[in-house]
């Protein structure tokens, strides 16, 4: 297992600044929440199951919050806490619960100012290091 915990205050530089926690207003000690990534100044990509219950389900809440760089506890959010304006998912998830379609796009109510910017026009070269960050941890390190 090569995972490691990011200590409080060490997550302030890019690209970690574009990753955050998407939650339904729950405090981080409750274990509720999902990983989310800023893909534009106010556009967040997360899992569909974080916003919708899938086939036979409904939207899972209305008090959603996004906290980029959240770490340690629910009060440590150096870039602030953002509410949402619009949430989209696809029928493959909301009507059929197909995991290939388990994604959602969230439009925040205001710009965060940082986001992931690699991919389409500037692909990754061989040997580029990739870090995968997530919330919450599935088990203790």
Protein backbone atom coordinates (compact mmCIF):
# COMPACT_ATOMS: atom_id res chain seq x y z
CA UNK A 1 0.00 0.00 0.00
CA UNK A 2 1.67 3.23 -1.14
CA UNK A 3 -1.04 5.63 0.07
CA UNK A 4 -0.16 8.39 2.47
CA UNK A 5 -2.11 10.95 4.43
CA UNK A 6 -1.73 14.63 3.50
CA UNK A 7 -1.07 16.61 6.65
CA UNK A 8 -3.00 19.76 7.53
CA UNK A 9 -1.80 22.76 5.54
CA UNK A 10 0.33 20.77 3.07
CA UNK A 11 -2.34 20.61 0.37
CA UNK A 12 -2.31 24.27 -0.69
CA UNK A 13 -0.43 23.99 -4.00
CA UNK A 14 -1.71 23.01 -7.43
CA UNK A 15 -2.92 20.40 -8.36
CA UNK A 16 -4.24 19.60 -4.88
CA UNK A 17 -5.86 23.04 -4.81
CA UNK A 18 -8.25 21.88 -7.56
CA UNK A 19 -9.42 18.82 -5.62
CA UNK A 20 -11.95 19.01 -2.84
CA UNK A 21 -14.73 17.46 -0.86
CA UNK A 22 -18.34 17.46 -2.01
CA UNK A 23 -20.76 16.96 0.84
CA UNK A 24 -24.41 17.28 1.74
CA UNK A 25 -23.70 19.64 4.62
CA UNK A 26 -22.36 16.82 6.77
CA UNK A 27 -19.34 17.32 8.97
CA UNK A 28 -16.31 15.32 7.84
CA UNK A 29 -16.25 13.20 11.01
CA UNK A 30 -19.54 11.59 9.91
CA UNK A 31 -17.82 9.97 6.92
CA UNK A 32 -20.30 11.42 4.41
CA UNK A 33 -18.92 13.09 1.35
CA UNK A 34 -17.29 12.51 -1.99
CA UNK A 35 -14.22 13.50 -3.92
CA UNK A 36 -14.67 16.23 -6.52
CA UNK A 37 -12.40 18.02 -8.97
CA UNK A 38 -12.64 21.52 -10.37
CA UNK A 39 -12.52 21.27 -14.16
CA UNK A 40 -13.32 24.96 -14.69
CA UNK A 41 -13.46 28.04 -12.46
CA UNK A 42 -16.93 27.02 -11.21
CA UNK A 43 -17.43 23.55 -12.74
CA UNK A 44 -16.97 20.49 -10.53
CA UNK A 45 -16.81 16.85 -11.64
CA UNK A 46 -17.89 14.21 -9.11
CA UNK A 47 -19.57 10.80 -9.05
CA UNK A 48 -23.23 10.51 -10.00
CA UNK A 49 -23.98 8.55 -6.82
CA UNK A 50 -22.84 11.60 -4.83
CA UNK A 51 -25.80 13.61 -6.12
CA UNK A 52 -28.41 11.04 -7.20
CA UNK A 53 -29.54 7.66 -5.86
CA UNK A 54 -29.58 6.02 -9.30
CA UNK A 55 -32.37 3.82 -10.66
CA UNK A 56 -35.46 4.17 -8.50
CA UNK A 57 -33.77 6.93 -6.49
CA UNK A 58 -33.86 10.68 -6.41
CA UNK A 59 -31.47 13.60 -5.94
CA UNK A 60 -29.80 12.88 -2.61
CA UNK A 61 -30.06 16.31 -1.01
CA UNK A 62 -30.13 20.03 -1.48
CA UNK A 63 -27.63 21.36 1.07
CA UNK A 64 -24.56 20.38 -0.97
CA UNK A 65 -21.25 22.17 -0.41
CA UNK A 66 -17.89 22.04 -2.16
CA UNK A 67 -14.71 22.71 -0.18
CA UNK A 68 -11.54 22.77 -2.30
CA UNK A 69 -8.44 21.65 -0.39
CA UNK A 70 -10.49 20.53 2.61
CA UNK A 71 -8.34 18.57 4.99
CA UNK A 72 -8.18 17.64 8.67
CA UNK A 73 -11.76 18.52 9.60
CA UNK A 74 -14.82 20.32 8.33
CA UNK A 75 -13.50 23.74 9.36
CA UNK A 76 -10.21 23.59 7.44
CA UNK A 77 -11.11 24.81 3.94
CA UNK A 78 -8.42 27.31 2.90
CA UNK A 79 -10.18 28.27 -0.35
CA UNK A 80 -13.60 28.54 1.27
CA UNK A 81 -16.93 26.77 1.00
CA UNK A 82 -19.02 27.01 -2.18
CA UNK A 83 -22.69 26.30 -2.77
CA UNK A 84 -24.12 24.97 -6.00
CA UNK A 85 -26.25 26.57 -8.67
CA UNK A 86 -27.04 23.61 -10.95
CA UNK A 87 -26.34 19.85 -10.93
CA UNK A 88 -26.38 17.52 -13.93
CA UNK A 89 -26.04 13.77 -14.25
CA UNK A 90 -26.88 11.43 -17.12
CA UNK A 91 -29.75 8.98 -17.69
CA UNK A 92 -27.30 6.07 -17.69
CA UNK A 93 -26.87 6.76 -13.97
CA UNK A 94 -30.11 8.44 -12.86
CA UNK A 95 -32.40 5.95 -14.65
CA UNK A 96 -30.29 2.79 -15.09
CA UNK A 97 -27.59 2.87 -12.33
CA UNK A 98 -24.90 1.86 -14.83
CA UNK A 99 -21.48 2.47 -13.28
CA UNK A 100 -20.03 3.50 -16.65
CA UNK A 101 -22.28 6.57 -16.29
CA UNK A 102 -21.67 7.27 -12.60
CA UNK A 103 -20.64 10.91 -12.98
CA UNK A 104 -22.10 14.35 -12.41
CA UNK A 105 -21.28 17.94 -13.27
CA UNK A 106 -21.91 20.64 -10.70
CA UNK A 107 -21.99 24.34 -11.49
CA UNK A 108 -21.04 26.34 -8.41
CA UNK A 109 -22.67 29.62 -7.47
CA UNK A 110 -19.33 31.45 -7.75
CA UNK A 111 -15.82 31.02 -9.17
CA UNK A 112 -13.16 29.28 -7.08
CA UNK A 113 -10.29 30.49 -9.26
CA UNK A 114 -8.28 27.29 -9.73
CA UNK A 115 -8.98 24.12 -11.73
CA UNK A 116 -7.37 21.15 -13.43
CA UNK A 117 -6.07 22.19 -16.82
CA UNK A 118 -4.34 19.26 -18.48
CA UNK A 119 -5.79 16.91 -21.03
CA UNK A 120 -7.37 18.00 -24.29
CA UNK A 121 -4.71 20.30 -25.78
CA UNK A 122 -1.77 19.44 -23.56
CA UNK A 123 -1.76 15.70 -22.91
CA UNK A 124 0.42 13.99 -20.33
CA UNK A 125 3.81 12.78 -21.44
CA UNK A 126 5.37 9.44 -20.54
CA UNK A 127 6.83 9.52 -17.05
CA UNK A 128 4.48 12.20 -15.75
CA UNK A 129 3.62 11.54 -12.11
CA UNK A 130 -0.08 11.29 -11.27
CA UNK A 131 -1.48 11.62 -7.77
CA UNK A 132 -4.94 10.39 -6.94
CA UNK A 133 -6.59 12.23 -4.06
CA UNK A 134 -9.88 11.29 -2.50
CA UNK A 135 -12.38 11.87 0.28
CA UNK A 136 -13.14 10.12 2.58
CA UNK A 137 -10.41 7.54 3.09
CA UNK A 138 -11.73 3.98 2.75
CA UNK A 139 -9.68 2.81 5.72
CA UNK A 140 -6.97 4.03 8.05
CA UNK A 141 -3.40 4.16 6.75
